[in-house]
N, C-alpha and C. Protein backbone atom coordinates (compact mmCIF):
# COMPACT_ATOMS: atom_id res chain seq x y z
N MET A 1 121.64 33.05 128.87
CA MET A 1 121.85 34.48 128.73
C MET A 1 123.28 34.81 129.12
N SER A 2 124.05 35.30 128.21
CA SER A 2 125.40 35.73 128.50
C SER A 2 125.36 37.09 129.17
N THR A 3 126.17 37.27 130.20
CA THR A 3 126.22 38.57 130.89
C THR A 3 127.39 39.41 130.42
N GLU A 4 128.20 38.88 129.50
CA GLU A 4 129.37 39.60 129.00
C GLU A 4 128.95 40.90 128.31
N GLY A 5 129.53 42.00 128.76
CA GLY A 5 129.25 43.30 128.18
C GLY A 5 127.94 43.92 128.62
N ARG A 6 127.16 43.22 129.44
CA ARG A 6 125.86 43.74 129.86
C ARG A 6 125.99 44.73 131.01
N ILE A 7 125.05 45.66 131.00
CA ILE A 7 124.94 46.65 132.08
C ILE A 7 123.75 46.26 132.94
N ALA A 8 123.99 46.16 134.24
CA ALA A 8 122.93 45.85 135.20
C ALA A 8 122.64 47.08 136.04
N LEU A 9 121.38 47.26 136.38
CA LEU A 9 120.95 48.37 137.21
C LEU A 9 120.49 47.83 138.55
N CYS A 10 121.01 48.40 139.64
CA CYS A 10 120.59 48.05 141.00
C CYS A 10 119.87 49.26 141.59
N PRO A 11 118.56 49.36 141.39
CA PRO A 11 117.83 50.54 141.86
C PRO A 11 117.41 50.45 143.32
N GLY A 12 117.26 51.59 143.96
CA GLY A 12 116.76 51.63 145.32
C GLY A 12 116.87 53.02 145.90
N THR A 13 116.45 53.15 147.16
CA THR A 13 116.58 54.44 147.83
C THR A 13 117.89 54.53 148.62
N TYR A 14 118.39 53.40 149.10
CA TYR A 14 119.67 53.36 149.81
C TYR A 14 119.72 54.41 150.92
N ASP A 15 118.74 54.37 151.82
CA ASP A 15 118.61 55.38 152.87
C ASP A 15 118.62 54.76 154.25
N PRO A 16 119.79 54.38 154.75
CA PRO A 16 121.12 54.47 154.18
C PRO A 16 121.54 53.15 153.53
N VAL A 17 122.67 53.20 152.83
CA VAL A 17 123.26 51.99 152.27
C VAL A 17 123.72 51.11 153.42
N THR A 18 123.46 49.80 153.29
CA THR A 18 123.83 48.82 154.32
C THR A 18 124.79 47.79 153.74
N PHE A 19 125.34 46.97 154.61
CA PHE A 19 126.17 45.86 154.14
C PHE A 19 125.35 44.89 153.29
N GLY A 20 124.07 44.79 153.54
CA GLY A 20 123.21 43.94 152.71
C GLY A 20 123.14 44.47 151.28
N HIS A 21 122.95 45.78 151.13
CA HIS A 21 122.97 46.39 149.79
C HIS A 21 124.32 46.12 149.11
N LEU A 22 125.39 46.36 149.85
CA LEU A 22 126.72 46.23 149.26
C LEU A 22 127.03 44.80 148.87
N ASP A 23 126.53 43.83 149.62
CA ASP A 23 126.69 42.43 149.26
C ASP A 23 126.05 42.16 147.89
N ILE A 24 124.86 42.67 147.67
CA ILE A 24 124.17 42.47 146.39
C ILE A 24 124.94 43.18 145.27
N VAL A 25 125.38 44.40 145.49
CA VAL A 25 126.13 45.15 144.46
C VAL A 25 127.44 44.44 144.13
N GLU A 26 128.16 43.99 145.13
CA GLU A 26 129.43 43.29 144.88
C GLU A 26 129.21 41.99 144.11
N ARG A 27 128.18 41.27 144.44
CA ARG A 27 127.89 40.02 143.72
C ARG A 27 127.47 40.32 142.29
N ALA A 28 126.68 41.36 142.09
CA ALA A 28 126.28 41.75 140.73
C ALA A 28 127.50 42.19 139.94
N ALA A 29 128.44 42.85 140.59
CA ALA A 29 129.66 43.32 139.90
C ALA A 29 130.51 42.16 139.40
N ARG A 30 130.38 40.99 140.03
CA ARG A 30 131.10 39.80 139.55
C ARG A 30 130.38 39.17 138.36
N LEU A 31 129.09 39.46 138.21
CA LEU A 31 128.29 38.84 137.16
C LEU A 31 128.16 39.68 135.89
N PHE A 32 128.28 41.00 136.02
CA PHE A 32 128.02 41.90 134.90
C PHE A 32 129.22 42.80 134.62
N ALA A 33 129.34 43.21 133.37
CA ALA A 33 130.44 44.08 132.96
C ALA A 33 130.40 45.41 133.70
N THR A 34 129.20 45.96 133.81
CA THR A 34 129.01 47.23 134.50
C THR A 34 127.76 47.14 135.36
N VAL A 35 127.85 47.68 136.56
CA VAL A 35 126.71 47.77 137.46
C VAL A 35 126.49 49.24 137.77
N VAL A 36 125.26 49.68 137.56
CA VAL A 36 124.88 51.05 137.90
C VAL A 36 123.98 50.99 139.12
N VAL A 37 124.45 51.57 140.21
CA VAL A 37 123.62 51.69 141.40
C VAL A 37 122.81 52.97 141.21
N ALA A 38 121.52 52.80 141.05
CA ALA A 38 120.63 53.92 140.74
C ALA A 38 119.83 54.29 141.99
N ILE A 39 120.08 55.49 142.49
CA ILE A 39 119.47 55.94 143.73
C ILE A 39 118.29 56.86 143.42
N ALA A 40 117.12 56.43 143.88
CA ALA A 40 115.91 57.21 143.65
C ALA A 40 116.02 58.55 144.36
N ASP A 41 115.73 59.62 143.63
CA ASP A 41 115.81 60.95 144.22
C ASP A 41 114.82 61.14 145.36
N GLY A 42 113.67 60.52 145.25
CA GLY A 42 112.66 60.65 146.29
C GLY A 42 111.89 59.37 146.44
N SER A 43 110.86 59.43 147.24
CA SER A 43 110.01 58.26 147.47
C SER A 43 108.57 58.72 147.57
N ASN A 44 107.68 57.93 147.01
CA ASN A 44 106.26 58.23 147.15
C ASN A 44 105.70 57.76 148.48
N THR A 45 106.46 56.94 149.20
CA THR A 45 105.92 56.33 150.41
C THR A 45 106.59 56.79 151.69
N LYS A 46 107.78 57.38 151.63
CA LYS A 46 108.45 57.78 152.86
C LYS A 46 109.36 58.98 152.61
N GLN A 47 109.65 59.70 153.68
CA GLN A 47 110.56 60.83 153.62
C GLN A 47 111.96 60.31 153.95
N PRO A 48 112.90 60.39 153.00
CA PRO A 48 114.25 59.90 153.28
C PRO A 48 114.94 60.68 154.40
N LEU A 49 115.78 60.00 155.15
CA LEU A 49 116.58 60.64 156.19
C LEU A 49 117.68 61.49 155.57
N PHE A 50 118.29 60.96 154.50
CA PHE A 50 119.37 61.66 153.80
C PHE A 50 118.87 62.18 152.47
N THR A 51 119.42 63.30 152.03
CA THR A 51 119.06 63.83 150.72
C THR A 51 119.59 62.90 149.64
N ALA A 52 119.09 63.06 148.43
CA ALA A 52 119.56 62.24 147.32
C ALA A 52 121.07 62.41 147.11
N ASP A 53 121.55 63.65 147.17
CA ASP A 53 122.99 63.89 147.01
C ASP A 53 123.80 63.20 148.11
N GLU A 54 123.30 63.25 149.35
CA GLU A 54 124.01 62.60 150.46
C GLU A 54 124.03 61.08 150.26
N ARG A 55 122.91 60.52 149.85
CA ARG A 55 122.84 59.07 149.63
C ARG A 55 123.79 58.64 148.52
N ARG A 56 123.83 59.42 147.42
CA ARG A 56 124.75 59.10 146.33
C ARG A 56 126.20 59.15 146.82
N ALA A 57 126.54 60.16 147.61
CA ALA A 57 127.91 60.28 148.13
C ALA A 57 128.25 59.11 149.05
N LEU A 58 127.32 58.72 149.92
CA LEU A 58 127.57 57.59 150.81
C LEU A 58 127.78 56.30 150.03
N VAL A 59 126.97 56.09 148.99
CA VAL A 59 127.12 54.88 148.18
C VAL A 59 128.42 54.94 147.38
N ARG A 60 128.73 56.07 146.79
CA ARG A 60 129.99 56.18 146.02
C ARG A 60 131.19 55.80 146.86
N THR A 61 131.25 56.31 148.08
CA THR A 61 132.36 55.96 148.98
C THR A 61 132.35 54.47 149.27
N SER A 62 131.18 53.90 149.42
CA SER A 62 131.04 52.47 149.76
C SER A 62 131.46 51.54 148.63
N VAL A 63 131.37 51.99 147.38
CA VAL A 63 131.68 51.11 146.24
C VAL A 63 132.94 51.53 145.49
N GLU A 64 133.70 52.46 146.05
CA GLU A 64 134.86 52.96 145.31
C GLU A 64 135.89 51.87 145.03
N HIS A 65 135.86 50.78 145.77
CA HIS A 65 136.79 49.66 145.53
C HIS A 65 136.37 48.80 144.34
N LEU A 66 135.20 49.05 143.79
CA LEU A 66 134.69 48.24 142.68
C LEU A 66 134.84 49.03 141.38
N GLY A 67 135.73 48.60 140.52
CA GLY A 67 136.04 49.34 139.30
C GLY A 67 134.94 49.37 138.25
N ASN A 68 134.00 48.48 138.33
CA ASN A 68 132.94 48.41 137.30
C ASN A 68 131.58 48.86 137.83
N VAL A 69 131.57 49.63 138.91
CA VAL A 69 130.32 50.10 139.50
C VAL A 69 130.26 51.62 139.43
N GLU A 70 129.12 52.11 138.94
CA GLU A 70 128.85 53.54 138.87
C GLU A 70 127.65 53.85 139.75
N VAL A 71 127.54 55.10 140.18
CA VAL A 71 126.40 55.52 141.00
C VAL A 71 125.72 56.68 140.30
N THR A 72 124.41 56.57 140.13
CA THR A 72 123.62 57.62 139.51
C THR A 72 122.38 57.89 140.37
N GLY A 73 121.69 58.93 140.03
CA GLY A 73 120.40 59.21 140.64
C GLY A 73 119.34 59.17 139.56
N PHE A 74 118.08 58.98 139.98
CA PHE A 74 117.02 59.01 138.99
C PHE A 74 115.72 59.47 139.62
N THR A 75 114.88 60.00 138.79
CA THR A 75 113.52 60.38 139.14
C THR A 75 112.60 59.69 138.14
N GLY A 76 111.49 59.18 138.60
CA GLY A 76 110.55 58.55 137.68
C GLY A 76 110.66 57.04 137.73
N LEU A 77 110.26 56.43 136.64
CA LEU A 77 110.24 54.97 136.57
C LEU A 77 111.64 54.39 136.43
N VAL A 78 111.88 53.30 137.11
CA VAL A 78 113.17 52.59 137.03
C VAL A 78 113.49 52.23 135.58
N ILE A 79 112.49 51.77 134.85
CA ILE A 79 112.68 51.34 133.47
C ILE A 79 113.22 52.49 132.61
N GLY A 80 112.72 53.69 132.83
CA GLY A 80 113.22 54.85 132.08
C GLY A 80 114.69 55.09 132.33
N HIS A 81 115.11 54.97 133.59
CA HIS A 81 116.53 55.17 133.91
C HIS A 81 117.37 54.02 133.35
N ALA A 82 116.84 52.81 133.41
CA ALA A 82 117.55 51.66 132.84
C ALA A 82 117.85 51.92 131.37
N ARG A 83 116.87 52.40 130.64
CA ARG A 83 117.09 52.73 129.22
C ARG A 83 118.13 53.82 129.05
N GLU A 84 118.07 54.86 129.90
CA GLU A 84 119.03 55.97 129.81
C GLU A 84 120.47 55.50 129.94
N VAL A 85 120.72 54.53 130.85
CA VAL A 85 122.09 54.08 131.08
C VAL A 85 122.46 52.85 130.26
N GLY A 86 121.52 52.34 129.47
CA GLY A 86 121.79 51.19 128.62
C GLY A 86 121.71 49.85 129.33
N ALA A 87 121.06 49.81 130.49
CA ALA A 87 120.95 48.55 131.24
C ALA A 87 119.91 47.64 130.59
N THR A 88 120.23 46.36 130.56
CA THR A 88 119.30 45.36 130.05
C THR A 88 118.77 44.45 131.15
N VAL A 89 119.29 44.65 132.37
CA VAL A 89 118.94 43.81 133.50
C VAL A 89 118.77 44.68 134.74
N LEU A 90 117.72 44.40 135.51
CA LEU A 90 117.57 44.97 136.84
C LEU A 90 117.97 43.89 137.83
N VAL A 91 118.76 44.25 138.82
CA VAL A 91 119.17 43.31 139.86
C VAL A 91 118.51 43.75 141.16
N LYS A 92 117.78 42.83 141.77
CA LYS A 92 117.11 43.11 143.03
C LYS A 92 117.51 42.07 144.06
N GLY A 93 117.88 42.54 145.23
CA GLY A 93 118.16 41.65 146.35
C GLY A 93 116.86 41.33 147.07
N VAL A 94 116.72 40.10 147.50
CA VAL A 94 115.54 39.70 148.26
C VAL A 94 115.97 39.01 149.55
N ARG A 95 115.33 39.43 150.65
CA ARG A 95 115.67 38.90 151.97
C ARG A 95 114.72 37.81 152.42
N SER A 96 113.49 37.86 151.91
CA SER A 96 112.45 36.97 152.44
C SER A 96 111.40 36.72 151.35
N ALA A 97 110.46 35.85 151.69
CA ALA A 97 109.35 35.58 150.77
C ALA A 97 108.54 36.84 150.53
N THR A 98 108.41 37.68 151.55
CA THR A 98 107.67 38.93 151.40
C THR A 98 108.36 39.83 150.38
N ASP A 99 109.69 39.97 150.50
CA ASP A 99 110.45 40.74 149.51
C ASP A 99 110.25 40.16 148.12
N PHE A 100 110.35 38.82 148.02
CA PHE A 100 110.23 38.19 146.72
C PHE A 100 108.85 38.45 146.11
N ASP A 101 107.80 38.32 146.90
CA ASP A 101 106.45 38.57 146.38
C ASP A 101 106.34 39.98 145.83
N TYR A 102 106.81 40.96 146.58
CA TYR A 102 106.75 42.35 146.13
C TYR A 102 107.59 42.55 144.87
N GLU A 103 108.84 42.09 144.89
CA GLU A 103 109.74 42.30 143.76
C GLU A 103 109.29 41.53 142.52
N ALA A 104 108.69 40.35 142.70
CA ALA A 104 108.18 39.60 141.55
C ALA A 104 107.05 40.37 140.88
N GLN A 105 106.18 40.97 141.69
CA GLN A 105 105.10 41.78 141.14
C GLN A 105 105.68 42.99 140.39
N MET A 106 106.68 43.65 140.98
CA MET A 106 107.30 44.80 140.32
C MET A 106 108.00 44.38 139.03
N SER A 107 108.60 43.19 139.02
CA SER A 107 109.29 42.74 137.80
C SER A 107 108.28 42.52 136.67
N GLN A 108 107.10 42.01 137.01
CA GLN A 108 106.06 41.83 135.99
C GLN A 108 105.55 43.17 135.49
N PHE A 109 105.40 44.12 136.39
CA PHE A 109 105.00 45.48 136.02
C PHE A 109 106.04 46.06 135.05
N ASN A 110 107.32 45.96 135.42
CA ASN A 110 108.40 46.49 134.58
C ASN A 110 108.48 45.75 133.24
N ARG A 111 108.27 44.45 133.27
CA ARG A 111 108.30 43.68 132.04
C ARG A 111 107.18 44.10 131.09
N HIS A 112 106.03 44.42 131.66
CA HIS A 112 104.91 44.90 130.84
C HIS A 112 105.27 46.25 130.20
N LEU A 113 105.96 47.10 130.95
CA LEU A 113 106.35 48.41 130.43
C LEU A 113 107.49 48.31 129.42
N ALA A 114 108.41 47.39 129.66
CA ALA A 114 109.61 47.26 128.82
C ALA A 114 110.00 45.80 128.75
N GLY A 115 109.46 45.09 127.80
CA GLY A 115 109.67 43.65 127.70
C GLY A 115 111.10 43.22 127.49
N ASP A 116 111.96 44.13 127.09
CA ASP A 116 113.34 43.75 126.80
C ASP A 116 114.28 43.93 127.98
N ILE A 117 113.77 44.34 129.13
CA ILE A 117 114.61 44.49 130.32
C ILE A 117 114.17 43.44 131.33
N GLU A 118 115.10 42.56 131.67
CA GLU A 118 114.82 41.46 132.60
C GLU A 118 115.14 41.87 134.02
N THR A 119 114.55 41.17 134.98
CA THR A 119 114.87 41.34 136.39
C THR A 119 115.43 40.02 136.90
N ILE A 120 116.55 40.10 137.62
CA ILE A 120 117.05 38.92 138.31
C ILE A 120 117.06 39.20 139.80
N PHE A 121 116.84 38.16 140.57
CA PHE A 121 116.80 38.27 142.02
C PHE A 121 118.02 37.58 142.59
N LEU A 122 118.70 38.27 143.50
CA LEU A 122 119.79 37.66 144.25
C LEU A 122 119.34 37.53 145.70
N PRO A 123 119.33 36.32 146.22
CA PRO A 123 118.93 36.18 147.61
C PRO A 123 119.98 36.80 148.53
N ALA A 124 119.52 37.41 149.59
CA ALA A 124 120.43 38.01 150.57
C ALA A 124 121.31 36.93 151.16
N SER A 125 122.55 37.29 151.40
CA SER A 125 123.43 36.39 152.14
C SER A 125 122.89 36.27 153.57
N PRO A 126 123.00 35.09 154.16
CA PRO A 126 122.38 34.87 155.48
C PRO A 126 122.77 35.90 156.54
N GLU A 127 124.02 36.36 156.52
CA GLU A 127 124.45 37.29 157.56
C GLU A 127 123.83 38.67 157.42
N TRP A 128 123.23 38.97 156.27
CA TRP A 128 122.62 40.28 156.05
C TRP A 128 121.11 40.21 155.82
N ALA A 129 120.54 39.04 155.85
CA ALA A 129 119.13 38.86 155.48
C ALA A 129 118.15 39.59 156.39
N PHE A 130 118.56 39.92 157.59
CA PHE A 130 117.65 40.61 158.52
C PHE A 130 117.78 42.12 158.46
N ILE A 131 118.75 42.62 157.73
CA ILE A 131 119.03 44.07 157.72
C ILE A 131 118.17 44.78 156.69
N SER A 132 117.58 45.89 157.12
CA SER A 132 116.87 46.79 156.20
C SER A 132 117.29 48.22 156.54
N SER A 133 117.21 49.09 155.57
CA SER A 133 117.53 50.49 155.82
C SER A 133 116.61 51.07 156.89
N SER A 134 115.33 50.73 156.83
CA SER A 134 114.40 51.27 157.82
C SER A 134 114.75 50.76 159.23
N GLY A 135 115.15 49.51 159.33
CA GLY A 135 115.57 48.97 160.63
C GLY A 135 116.82 49.66 161.14
N VAL A 136 117.77 49.91 160.26
CA VAL A 136 119.00 50.62 160.64
C VAL A 136 118.66 52.03 161.11
N ARG A 137 117.80 52.74 160.36
CA ARG A 137 117.41 54.10 160.76
C ARG A 137 116.74 54.10 162.13
N GLU A 138 115.84 53.15 162.34
CA GLU A 138 115.12 53.06 163.61
C GLU A 138 116.08 52.78 164.76
N ALA A 139 116.94 51.80 164.59
CA ALA A 139 117.89 51.46 165.66
C ALA A 139 118.82 52.63 165.94
N ALA A 140 119.32 53.27 164.90
CA ALA A 140 120.23 54.41 165.08
C ALA A 140 119.52 55.57 165.77
N ALA A 141 118.25 55.79 165.45
CA ALA A 141 117.49 56.89 166.06
C ALA A 141 117.34 56.69 167.57
N TRP A 142 117.36 55.44 168.01
CA TRP A 142 117.26 55.14 169.43
C TRP A 142 118.63 54.96 170.09
N GLY A 143 119.67 55.26 169.33
CA GLY A 143 121.02 55.25 169.90
C GLY A 143 121.74 53.92 169.86
N ALA A 144 121.20 52.94 169.14
CA ALA A 144 121.86 51.64 169.04
C ALA A 144 123.11 51.73 168.16
N ASP A 145 124.04 50.86 168.42
CA ASP A 145 125.26 50.77 167.62
C ASP A 145 124.93 49.99 166.34
N VAL A 146 124.96 50.65 165.19
CA VAL A 146 124.66 50.01 163.92
C VAL A 146 125.92 49.79 163.08
N SER A 147 127.08 49.94 163.71
CA SER A 147 128.35 49.85 162.97
C SER A 147 128.59 48.47 162.37
N GLY A 148 127.92 47.45 162.84
CA GLY A 148 128.05 46.12 162.25
C GLY A 148 127.15 45.91 161.04
N TRP A 149 126.30 46.88 160.74
CA TRP A 149 125.34 46.77 159.66
C TRP A 149 125.60 47.71 158.49
N VAL A 150 126.42 48.74 158.74
CA VAL A 150 126.71 49.75 157.71
C VAL A 150 128.20 50.09 157.75
N PRO A 151 128.75 50.57 156.62
CA PRO A 151 130.15 51.00 156.63
C PRO A 151 130.37 52.12 157.65
N ALA A 152 131.61 52.27 158.10
CA ALA A 152 131.95 53.26 159.14
C ALA A 152 131.52 54.67 158.76
N HIS A 153 131.72 55.06 157.50
CA HIS A 153 131.35 56.42 157.11
C HIS A 153 129.84 56.62 157.14
N VAL A 154 129.08 55.57 156.93
CA VAL A 154 127.61 55.66 157.01
C VAL A 154 127.19 55.76 158.48
N ALA A 155 127.82 54.96 159.35
CA ALA A 155 127.53 55.06 160.79
C ALA A 155 127.83 56.48 161.27
N GLY A 156 128.92 57.07 160.80
CA GLY A 156 129.26 58.44 161.16
C GLY A 156 128.21 59.43 160.68
N ALA A 157 127.74 59.24 159.45
CA ALA A 157 126.71 60.13 158.90
C ALA A 157 125.41 60.00 159.71
N LEU A 158 125.08 58.78 160.13
CA LEU A 158 123.90 58.59 160.97
C LEU A 158 124.06 59.29 162.31
N ARG A 159 125.25 59.16 162.92
CA ARG A 159 125.51 59.85 164.19
C ARG A 159 125.35 61.35 164.02
N ASP A 160 125.95 61.89 162.95
CA ASP A 160 125.86 63.32 162.70
C ASP A 160 124.42 63.77 162.48
N ARG A 161 123.66 63.00 161.73
CA ARG A 161 122.28 63.39 161.40
C ARG A 161 121.37 63.26 162.61
N LEU A 162 121.55 62.17 163.36
CA LEU A 162 120.61 61.88 164.44
C LEU A 162 121.09 62.36 165.81
N GLY A 163 122.37 62.74 165.89
CA GLY A 163 122.90 63.18 167.17
C GLY A 163 122.91 62.08 168.22
N ARG A 164 123.11 60.86 167.75
CA ARG A 164 123.09 59.70 168.66
C ARG A 164 124.37 58.91 168.51
N THR A 165 124.44 57.79 169.17
CA THR A 165 125.59 56.92 169.15
C THR A 165 125.83 56.30 167.78
N ALA A 166 124.79 55.74 167.17
CA ALA A 166 124.83 55.07 165.85
C ALA A 166 126.15 54.43 165.64
């Protein structure tokens, strides 16, 4: 499969964006002509700490050094947004076997809905494999220093939102 000229979609909630997310986006940006970071407007399973607009702004600042990366928002099925932006590939980062099991199931679901959109998995780099947005939110809520896990502007946004050290 040639990746030349292809658009890849990196969907997620990015609440907040972490260095683990950015590692996957940067690696995808080396593989694909265009990468669209698609931020889900909401979640059926959790209440986001940051609004969709705030999350998009935090991600845009985080990827501004990447000339072939765009940031969008979406509501509904990932496959629908992939079609809207012309993506033929979904890129998902996986940290563990648990992540892989979940994402493999979702890839089969998406493949059933849209057989022409593939999913590829990029394993987390070892230095970021333990980081999750929920873990960052939890640590920041208790006043832990999360500056080694998120960009400085994200740590600042966490401090502002939570009124803690973050």
